């Protein structure tokens, strides 16, 4: 895992929850962890990792993730035992 991906993972697990993590950085992290990123309908994006799926909406008009999305990712990573 590259340093950029590690920083993204650490940002996801930081408290208080940070907003503003660039969505494309999260996509890169999922790929670096061996997962897949697929486009769904509209702005929906499917993350698949360790045979588990997480559905999020791509933020628009900006590119930064919302706090609730980061919290959902943190819970998903906890369940999959992915930690920084």
PDB file of N, CA and C in Angstrom:
ATOM      1  N   UNK A   1       0.845  -1.170   0.000  1.00  0.00           N
ATOM      2  CA  UNK A   1       0.000   0.000   0.000  1.00  0.00           C
ATOM      3  C   UNK A   1       0.895   1.238   0.000  1.00  0.00           C
ATOM      4  N   UNK A   2       0.586   2.158  -0.880  1.00  0.00           N
ATOM      5  CA  UNK A   2       1.357   3.387  -0.974  1.00  0.00           C
ATOM      6  C   UNK A   2       1.034   4.307   0.193  1.00  0.00           C
ATOM      7  N   UNK A   3       1.917   5.264   0.420  1.00  0.00           N
ATOM      8  CA  UNK A   3       1.737   6.203   1.525  1.00  0.00           C
ATOM      9  C   UNK A   3       0.447   7.000   1.377  1.00  0.00           C
ATOM     10  N   UNK A   4       0.084   7.351   0.156  1.00  0.00           N
ATOM     11  CA  UNK A   4      -1.147   8.107  -0.066  1.00  0.00           C
ATOM     12  C   UNK A   4      -2.368   7.308   0.382  1.00  0.00           C
ATOM     13  N   UNK A   5      -2.374   6.004   0.077  1.00  0.00           N
ATOM     14  CA  UNK A   5      -3.493   5.157   0.483  1.00  0.00           C
ATOM     15  C   UNK A   5      -3.531   5.005   2.005  1.00  0.00           C
ATOM     16  N   UNK A   6      -2.373   4.895   2.606  1.00  0.00           N
ATOM     17  CA  UNK A   6      -2.307   4.781   4.071  1.00  0.00           C
ATOM     18  C   UNK A   6      -2.842   6.055   4.734  1.00  0.00           C
ATOM     19  N   UNK A   7      -2.495   7.219   4.179  1.00  0.00           N
ATOM     20  CA  UNK A   7      -3.002   8.486   4.729  1.00  0.00           C
ATOM     21  C   UNK A   7      -4.523   8.574   4.584  1.00  0.00           C
ATOM     22  N   UNK A   8      -5.050   8.087   3.466  1.00  0.00           N
ATOM     23  CA  UNK A   8      -6.500   8.095   3.269  1.00  0.00           C
ATOM     24  C   UNK A   8      -7.173   7.193   4.299  1.00  0.00           C
ATOM     25  N   UNK A   9      -6.619   6.005   4.525  1.00  0.00           N
ATOM     26  CA  UNK A   9      -7.177   5.080   5.514  1.00  0.00           C
ATOM     27  C   UNK A   9      -7.117   5.690   6.917  1.00  0.00           C
ATOM     28  N   UNK A  10      -6.013   6.328   7.254  1.00  0.00           N
ATOM     29  CA  UNK A  10      -5.890   6.976   8.558  1.00  0.00           C
ATOM     30  C   UNK A  10      -6.891   8.124   8.693  1.00  0.00           C
ATOM     31  N   UNK A  11      -7.147   8.846   7.611  1.00  0.00           N
ATOM     32  CA  UNK A  11      -8.121   9.941   7.640  1.00  0.00           C
ATOM     33  C   UNK A  11      -9.530   9.402   7.866  1.00  0.00           C
ATOM     34  N   UNK A  12      -9.836   8.252   7.293  1.00  0.00           N
ATOM     35  CA  UNK A  12     -11.151   7.640   7.482  1.00  0.00           C
ATOM     36  C   UNK A  12     -11.358   7.257   8.944  1.00  0.00           C
ATOM     37  N   UNK A  13     -10.299   6.799   9.599  1.00  0.00           N
ATOM     38  CA  UNK A  13     -10.409   6.351  10.984  1.00  0.00           C
ATOM     39  C   UNK A  13     -10.140   7.459  12.003  1.00  0.00           C
ATOM     40  N   UNK A  14      -9.838   8.662  11.545  1.00  0.00           N
ATOM     41  CA  UNK A  14      -9.553   9.743  12.492  1.00  0.00           C
ATOM     42  C   UNK A  14     -10.844  10.212  13.165  1.00  0.00           C
ATOM     43  N   UNK A  15     -10.697  10.641  14.418  1.00  0.00           N
ATOM     44  CA  UNK A  15     -11.830  11.210  15.138  1.00  0.00           C
ATOM     45  C   UNK A  15     -11.433  12.594  15.613  1.00  0.00           C
ATOM     46  N   UNK A  16     -12.290  13.571  15.551  1.00  0.00           N
ATOM     47  CA  UNK A  16     -13.651  13.494  15.025  1.00  0.00           C
ATOM     48  C   UNK A  16     -13.639  13.225  13.521  1.00  0.00           C
ATOM     49  N   UNK A  17     -14.761  12.747  13.019  1.00  0.00           N
ATOM     50  CA  UNK A  17     -14.870  12.372  11.615  1.00  0.00           C
ATOM     51  C   UNK A  17     -14.571  13.569  10.727  1.00  0.00           C
ATOM     52  N   UNK A  18     -13.666  13.331   9.781  1.00  0.00           N
ATOM     53  CA  UNK A  18     -13.291  14.391   8.849  1.00  0.00           C
ATOM     54  C   UNK A  18     -14.171  14.340   7.611  1.00  0.00           C
ATOM     55  N   UNK A  19     -14.657  15.457   7.218  1.00  0.00           N
ATOM     56  CA  UNK A  19     -15.297  15.577   5.920  1.00  0.00           C
ATOM     57  C   UNK A  19     -14.233  16.039   4.945  1.00  0.00           C
ATOM     58  N   UNK A  20     -14.538  16.033   3.698  1.00  0.00           N
ATOM     59  CA  UNK A  20     -13.606  16.592   2.733  1.00  0.00           C
ATOM     60  C   UNK A  20     -12.568  15.637   2.197  1.00  0.00           C
ATOM     61  N   UNK A  21     -12.659  14.359   2.484  1.00  0.00           N
ATOM     62  CA  UNK A  21     -11.736  13.401   1.876  1.00  0.00           C
ATOM     63  C   UNK A  21     -12.167  13.232   0.423  1.00  0.00           C
ATOM     64  N   UNK A  22     -11.245  13.385  -0.479  1.00  0.00           N
ATOM     65  CA  UNK A  22     -11.560  13.324  -1.911  1.00  0.00           C
ATOM     66  C   UNK A  22     -12.025  11.912  -2.261  1.00  0.00           C
ATOM     67  N   UNK A  23     -13.174  11.838  -2.935  1.00  0.00           N
ATOM     68  CA  UNK A  23     -13.798  10.555  -3.242  1.00  0.00           C
ATOM     69  C   UNK A  23     -12.889   9.674  -4.100  1.00  0.00           C
ATOM     70  N   UNK A  24     -12.146  10.263  -5.024  1.00  0.00           N
ATOM     71  CA  UNK A  24     -11.250   9.469  -5.869  1.00  0.00           C
ATOM     72  C   UNK A  24     -10.120   8.842  -5.049  1.00  0.00           C
ATOM     73  N   UNK A  25      -9.727   9.483  -3.938  1.00  0.00           N
ATOM     74  CA  UNK A  25      -8.719   8.891  -3.050  1.00  0.00           C
ATOM     75  C   UNK A  25      -9.280   7.634  -2.375  1.00  0.00           C
ATOM     76  N   UNK A  26     -10.570   7.659  -2.033  1.00  0.00           N
ATOM     77  CA  UNK A  26     -11.209   6.483  -1.440  1.00  0.00           C
ATOM     78  C   UNK A  26     -11.270   5.348  -2.463  1.00  0.00           C
ATOM     79  N   UNK A  27     -11.597   5.692  -3.705  1.00  0.00           N
ATOM     80  CA  UNK A  27     -11.621   4.685  -4.761  1.00  0.00           C
ATOM     81  C   UNK A  27     -10.244   4.049  -4.938  1.00  0.00           C
ATOM     82  N   UNK A  28      -9.201   4.866  -4.912  1.00  0.00           N
ATOM     83  CA  UNK A  28      -7.837   4.352  -5.015  1.00  0.00           C
ATOM     84  C   UNK A  28      -7.474   3.446  -3.857  1.00  0.00           C
ATOM     85  N   UNK A  29      -7.927   3.798  -2.660  1.00  0.00           N
ATOM     86  CA  UNK A  29      -7.671   2.975  -1.475  1.00  0.00           C
ATOM     87  C   UNK A  29      -8.322   1.606  -1.625  1.00  0.00           C
ATOM     88  N   UNK A  30      -9.576   1.577  -2.065  1.00  0.00           N
ATOM     89  CA  UNK A  30     -10.274   0.303  -2.238  1.00  0.00           C
ATOM     90  C   UNK A  30      -9.513  -0.576  -3.228  1.00  0.00           C
ATOM     91  N   UNK A  31      -9.070   0.003  -4.316  1.00  0.00           N
ATOM     92  CA  UNK A  31      -8.302  -0.771  -5.316  1.00  0.00           C
ATOM     93  C   UNK A  31      -6.974  -1.259  -4.735  1.00  0.00           C
ATOM     94  N   UNK A  32      -6.314  -0.416  -3.935  1.00  0.00           N
ATOM     95  CA  UNK A  32      -5.030  -0.795  -3.325  1.00  0.00           C
ATOM     96  C   UNK A  32      -5.208  -1.943  -2.329  1.00  0.00           C
ATOM     97  N   UNK A  33      -6.394  -2.031  -1.723  1.00  0.00           N
ATOM     98  CA  UNK A  33      -6.681  -3.117  -0.779  1.00  0.00           C
ATOM     99  C   UNK A  33      -7.103  -4.399  -1.496  1.00  0.00           C
ATOM    100  N   UNK A  34      -7.134  -4.360  -2.827  1.00  0.00           N
ATOM    101  CA  UNK A  34      -7.493  -5.546  -3.601  1.00  0.00           C
ATOM    102  C   UNK A  34      -8.959  -5.604  -3.965  1.00  0.00           C
ATOM    103  N   UNK A  35      -9.670  -4.517  -3.771  1.00  0.00           N
ATOM    104  CA  UNK A  35     -11.099  -4.486  -4.064  1.00  0.00           C
ATOM    105  C   UNK A  35     -11.391  -3.961  -5.455  1.00  0.00           C
ATOM    106  N   UNK A  36     -12.676  -3.887  -5.755  1.00  0.00           N
ATOM    107  CA  UNK A  36     -13.135  -3.381  -7.038  1.00  0.00           C
ATOM    108  C   UNK A  36     -14.017  -2.168  -6.824  1.00  0.00           C
ATOM    109  N   UNK A  37     -14.001  -1.284  -7.805  1.00  0.00           N
ATOM    110  CA  UNK A  37     -14.861  -0.109  -7.813  1.00  0.00           C
ATOM    111  C   UNK A  37     -15.619  -0.144  -9.127  1.00  0.00           C
ATOM    112  N   UNK A  38     -16.955  -0.160  -9.036  1.00  0.00           N
ATOM    113  CA  UNK A  38     -17.781  -0.186 -10.243  1.00  0.00           C
ATOM    114  C   UNK A  38     -18.790   0.954 -10.208  1.00  0.00           C
ATOM    115  N   UNK A  39     -19.098   1.462 -11.370  1.00  0.00           N
ATOM    116  CA  UNK A  39     -20.103   2.509 -11.499  1.00  0.00           C
ATOM    117  C   UNK A  39     -21.478   1.872 -11.508  1.00  0.00           C
ATOM    118  N   UNK A  40     -22.384   2.434 -10.758  1.00  0.00           N
ATOM    119  CA  UNK A  40     -23.767   1.989 -10.760  1.00  0.00           C
ATOM    120  C   UNK A  40     -24.608   2.966 -11.561  1.00  0.00           C
ATOM    121  N   UNK A  41     -25.895   2.986 -11.279  1.00  0.00           N
ATOM    122  CA  UNK A  41     -26.775   3.910 -11.969  1.00  0.00           C
ATOM    123  C   UNK A  41     -26.653   5.301 -11.370  1.00  0.00           C
ATOM    124  N   UNK A  42     -26.715   6.297 -12.234  1.00  0.00           N
ATOM    125  CA  UNK A  42     -26.607   7.674 -11.770  1.00  0.00           C
ATOM    126  C   UNK A  42     -25.254   7.929 -11.141  1.00  0.00           C
ATOM    127  N   UNK A  43     -25.266   8.449  -9.927  1.00  0.00           N
ATOM    128  CA  UNK A  43     -24.008   8.747  -9.239  1.00  0.00           C
ATOM    129  C   UNK A  43     -23.605   7.649  -8.263  1.00  0.00           C
ATOM    130  N   UNK A  44     -24.287   6.514  -8.310  1.00  0.00           N
ATOM    131  CA  UNK A  44     -23.998   5.408  -7.388  1.00  0.00           C
ATOM    132  C   UNK A  44     -22.696   4.707  -7.774  1.00  0.00           C
ATOM    133  N   UNK A  45     -21.911   4.388  -6.765  1.00  0.00           N
ATOM    134  CA  UNK A  45     -20.651   3.662  -6.943  1.00  0.00           C
ATOM    135  C   UNK A  45     -20.692   2.442  -6.023  1.00  0.00           C
ATOM    136  N   UNK A  46     -20.243   1.302  -6.561  1.00  0.00           N
ATOM    137  CA  UNK A  46     -20.229   0.059  -5.787  1.00  0.00           C
ATOM    138  C   UNK A  46     -18.783  -0.258  -5.432  1.00  0.00           C
ATOM    139  N   UNK A  47     -18.510  -0.371  -4.136  1.00  0.00           N
ATOM    140  CA  UNK A  47     -17.206  -0.828  -3.656  1.00  0.00           C
ATOM    141  C   UNK A  47     -17.367  -2.284  -3.253  1.00  0.00           C
ATOM    142  N   UNK A  48     -16.471  -3.140  -3.731  1.00  0.00           N
ATOM    143  CA  UNK A  48     -16.511  -4.546  -3.336  1.00  0.00           C
ATOM    144  C   UNK A  48     -15.142  -4.926  -2.796  1.00  0.00           C
ATOM    145  N   UNK A  49     -15.146  -5.475  -1.579  1.00  0.00           N
ATOM    146  CA  UNK A  49     -13.913  -5.845  -0.897  1.00  0.00           C
ATOM    147  C   UNK A  49     -14.206  -7.043  -0.007  1.00  0.00           C
ATOM    148  N   UNK A  50     -13.416  -8.072  -0.129  1.00  0.00           N
ATOM    149  CA  UNK A  50     -13.571  -9.290   0.683  1.00  0.00           C
ATOM    150  C   UNK A  50     -15.000  -9.843   0.608  1.00  0.00           C
ATOM    151  N   UNK A  51     -15.525  -9.890  -0.602  1.00  0.00           N
ATOM    152  CA  UNK A  51     -16.865 -10.425  -0.875  1.00  0.00           C
ATOM    153  C   UNK A  51     -17.984  -9.651  -0.184  1.00  0.00           C
ATOM    154  N   UNK A  52     -17.719  -8.420   0.153  1.00  0.00           N
ATOM    155  CA  UNK A  52     -18.715  -7.557   0.756  1.00  0.00           C
ATOM    156  C   UNK A  52     -18.849  -6.310  -0.120  1.00  0.00           C
ATOM    157  N   UNK A  53     -20.060  -5.778  -0.200  1.00  0.00           N
ATOM    158  CA  UNK A  53     -20.298  -4.607  -1.032  1.00  0.00           C
ATOM    159  C   UNK A  53     -20.756  -3.425  -0.194  1.00  0.00           C
ATOM    160  N   UNK A  54     -20.328  -2.256  -0.634  1.00  0.00           N
ATOM    161  CA  UNK A  54     -20.766  -0.996  -0.030  1.00  0.00           C
ATOM    162  C   UNK A  54     -21.174  -0.070  -1.168  1.00  0.00           C
ATOM    163  N   UNK A  55     -22.363   0.504  -1.056  1.00  0.00           N
ATOM    164  CA  UNK A  55     -22.885   1.402  -2.074  1.00  0.00           C
ATOM    165  C   UNK A  55     -22.842   2.833  -1.542  1.00  0.00           C
ATOM    166  N   UNK A  56     -22.214   3.712  -2.306  1.00  0.00           N
ATOM    167  CA  UNK A  56     -22.181   5.129  -1.964  1.00  0.00           C
ATOM    168  C   UNK A  56     -22.505   5.940  -3.207  1.00  0.00           C
ATOM    169  N   UNK A  57     -22.929   7.165  -2.995  1.00  0.00           N
ATOM    170  CA  UNK A  57     -23.174   8.069  -4.104  1.00  0.00           C
ATOM    171  C   UNK A  57     -21.974   8.989  -4.265  1.00  0.00           C
ATOM    172  N   UNK A  58     -21.546   9.126  -5.510  1.00  0.00           N
ATOM    173  CA  UNK A  58     -20.441  10.030  -5.805  1.00  0.00           C
ATOM    174  C   UNK A  58     -20.906  11.456  -5.491  1.00  0.00           C
ATOM    175  N   UNK A  59     -20.109  12.185  -4.723  1.00  0.00           N
ATOM    176  CA  UNK A  59     -20.517  13.546  -4.365  1.00  0.00           C
ATOM    177  C   UNK A  59     -20.535  14.461  -5.596  1.00  0.00           C
ATOM    178  N   UNK A  60     -21.512  15.333  -5.638  1.00  0.00           N
ATOM    179  CA  UNK A  60     -21.560  16.324  -6.704  1.00  0.00           C
ATOM    180  C   UNK A  60     -22.316  17.530  -6.179  1.00  0.00           C
ATOM    181  N   UNK A  61     -22.015  18.701  -6.515  1.00  0.00           N
ATOM    182  CA  UNK A  61     -21.109  19.059  -7.599  1.00  0.00           C
ATOM    183  C   UNK A  61     -19.637  19.017  -7.184  1.00  0.00           C
ATOM    184  N   UNK A  62     -19.348  18.900  -5.921  1.00  0.00           N
ATOM    185  CA  UNK A  62     -17.955  18.864  -5.453  1.00  0.00           C
ATOM    186  C   UNK A  62     -17.351  17.480  -5.607  1.00  0.00           C
ATOM    187  N   UNK A  63     -16.144  17.303  -5.088  1.00  0.00           N
ATOM    188  CA  UNK A  63     -15.474  16.005  -5.180  1.00  0.00           C
ATOM    189  C   UNK A  63     -15.152  15.415  -3.806  1.00  0.00           C
ATOM    190  N   UNK A  64     -15.504  16.152  -2.735  1.00  0.00           N
ATOM    191  CA  UNK A  64     -15.195  15.696  -1.384  1.00  0.00           C
ATOM    192  C   UNK A  64     -16.351  14.882  -0.802  1.00  0.00           C
ATOM    193  N   UNK A  65     -15.993  13.840  -0.069  1.00  0.00           N
ATOM    194  CA  UNK A  65     -16.985  12.985   0.585  1.00  0.00           C
ATOM    195  C   UNK A  65     -17.603  13.702   1.773  1.00  0.00           C
ATOM    196  N   UNK A  66     -18.815  13.341   2.073  1.00  0.00           N
ATOM    197  CA  UNK A  66     -19.513  13.890   3.229  1.00  0.00           C
ATOM    198  C   UNK A  66     -19.143  13.091   4.479  1.00  0.00           C
ATOM    199  N   UNK A  67     -19.347  13.686   5.646  1.00  0.00           N
ATOM    200  CA  UNK A  67     -18.995  13.023   6.902  1.00  0.00           C
ATOM    201  C   UNK A  67     -19.745  11.709   7.086  1.00  0.00           C
ATOM    202  N   UNK A  68     -21.040  11.675   6.717  1.00  0.00           N
ATOM    203  CA  UNK A  68     -21.802  10.444   6.902  1.00  0.00           C
ATOM    204  C   UNK A  68     -21.249   9.315   6.024  1.00  0.00           C
ATOM    205  N   UNK A  69     -20.694   9.652   4.856  1.00  0.00           N
ATOM    206  CA  UNK A  69     -20.096   8.632   4.004  1.00  0.00           C
ATOM    207  C   UNK A  69     -18.826   8.075   4.640  1.00  0.00           C
ATOM    208  N   UNK A  70     -18.037   8.935   5.240  1.00  0.00           N
ATOM    209  CA  UNK A  70     -16.807   8.502   5.910  1.00  0.00           C
ATOM    210  C   UNK A  70     -17.148   7.598   7.083  1.00  0.00           C
ATOM    211  N   UNK A  71     -18.190   7.952   7.840  1.00  0.00           N
ATOM    212  CA  UNK A  71     -18.599   7.123   8.976  1.00  0.00           C
ATOM    213  C   UNK A  71     -19.095   5.751   8.503  1.00  0.00           C
ATOM    214  N   UNK A  72     -19.830   5.715   7.387  1.00  0.00           N
ATOM    215  CA  UNK A  72     -20.284   4.438   6.841  1.00  0.00           C
ATOM    216  C   UNK A  72     -19.097   3.589   6.388  1.00  0.00           C
ATOM    217  N   UNK A  73     -18.111   4.213   5.757  1.00  0.00           N
ATOM    218  CA  UNK A  73     -16.910   3.475   5.340  1.00  0.00           C
ATOM    219  C   UNK A  73     -16.153   2.932   6.542  1.00  0.00           C
ATOM    220  N   UNK A  74     -16.039   3.740   7.599  1.00  0.00           N
ATOM    221  CA  UNK A  74     -15.335   3.299   8.803  1.00  0.00           C
ATOM    222  C   UNK A  74     -16.004   2.058   9.395  1.00  0.00           C
ATOM    223  N   UNK A  75     -17.335   2.076   9.483  1.00  0.00           N
ATOM    224  CA  UNK A  75     -18.061   0.917  10.007  1.00  0.00           C
ATOM    225  C   UNK A  75     -17.869  -0.301   9.113  1.00  0.00           C
ATOM    226  N   UNK A  76     -17.904  -0.100   7.804  1.00  0.00           N
ATOM    227  CA  UNK A  76     -17.706  -1.189   6.848  1.00  0.00           C
ATOM    228  C   UNK A  76     -16.302  -1.779   6.988  1.00  0.00           C
ATOM    229  N   UNK A  77     -15.290  -0.904   7.080  1.00  0.00           N
ATOM    230  CA  UNK A  77     -13.916  -1.372   7.259  1.00  0.00           C
ATOM    231  C   UNK A  77     -13.748  -2.114   8.578  1.00  0.00           C
ATOM    232  N   UNK A  78     -14.388  -1.628   9.636  1.00  0.00           N
ATOM    233  CA  UNK A  78     -14.325  -2.323  10.924  1.00  0.00           C
ATOM    234  C   UNK A  78     -14.875  -3.741  10.795  1.00  0.00           C
ATOM    235  N   UNK A  79     -16.008  -3.866  10.115  1.00  0.00           N
ATOM    236  CA  UNK A  79     -16.628  -5.170   9.935  1.00  0.00           C
ATOM    237  C   UNK A  79     -15.721  -6.105   9.120  1.00  0.00           C
ATOM    238  N   UNK A  80     -14.991  -5.538   8.168  1.00  0.00           N
ATOM    239  CA  UNK A  80     -14.083  -6.334   7.332  1.00  0.00           C
ATOM    240  C   UNK A  80     -12.691  -6.482   7.955  1.00  0.00           C
ATOM    241  N   UNK A  81     -12.496  -5.887   9.128  1.00  0.00           N
ATOM    242  CA  UNK A  81     -11.219  -5.917   9.848  1.00  0.00           C
ATOM    243  C   UNK A  81     -10.089  -5.267   9.046  1.00  0.00           C
ATOM    244  N   UNK A  82     -10.416  -4.157   8.385  1.00  0.00           N
ATOM    245  CA  UNK A  82      -9.422  -3.345   7.693  1.00  0.00           C
ATOM    246  C   UNK A  82      -9.138  -2.167   8.597  1.00  0.00           C
ATOM    247  N   UNK A  83      -7.901  -2.040   9.010  1.00  0.00           N
ATOM    248  CA  UNK A  83      -7.521  -0.963   9.936  1.00  0.00           C
ATOM    249  C   UNK A  83      -6.208  -0.345   9.504  1.00  0.00           C
ATOM    250  N   UNK A  84      -5.984   0.914   9.919  1.00  0.00           N
ATOM    251  CA  UNK A  84      -4.711   1.547   9.540  1.00  0.00           C
ATOM    252  C   UNK A  84      -3.526   0.932  10.256  1.00  0.00           C
TER     253      UNK A  84
END
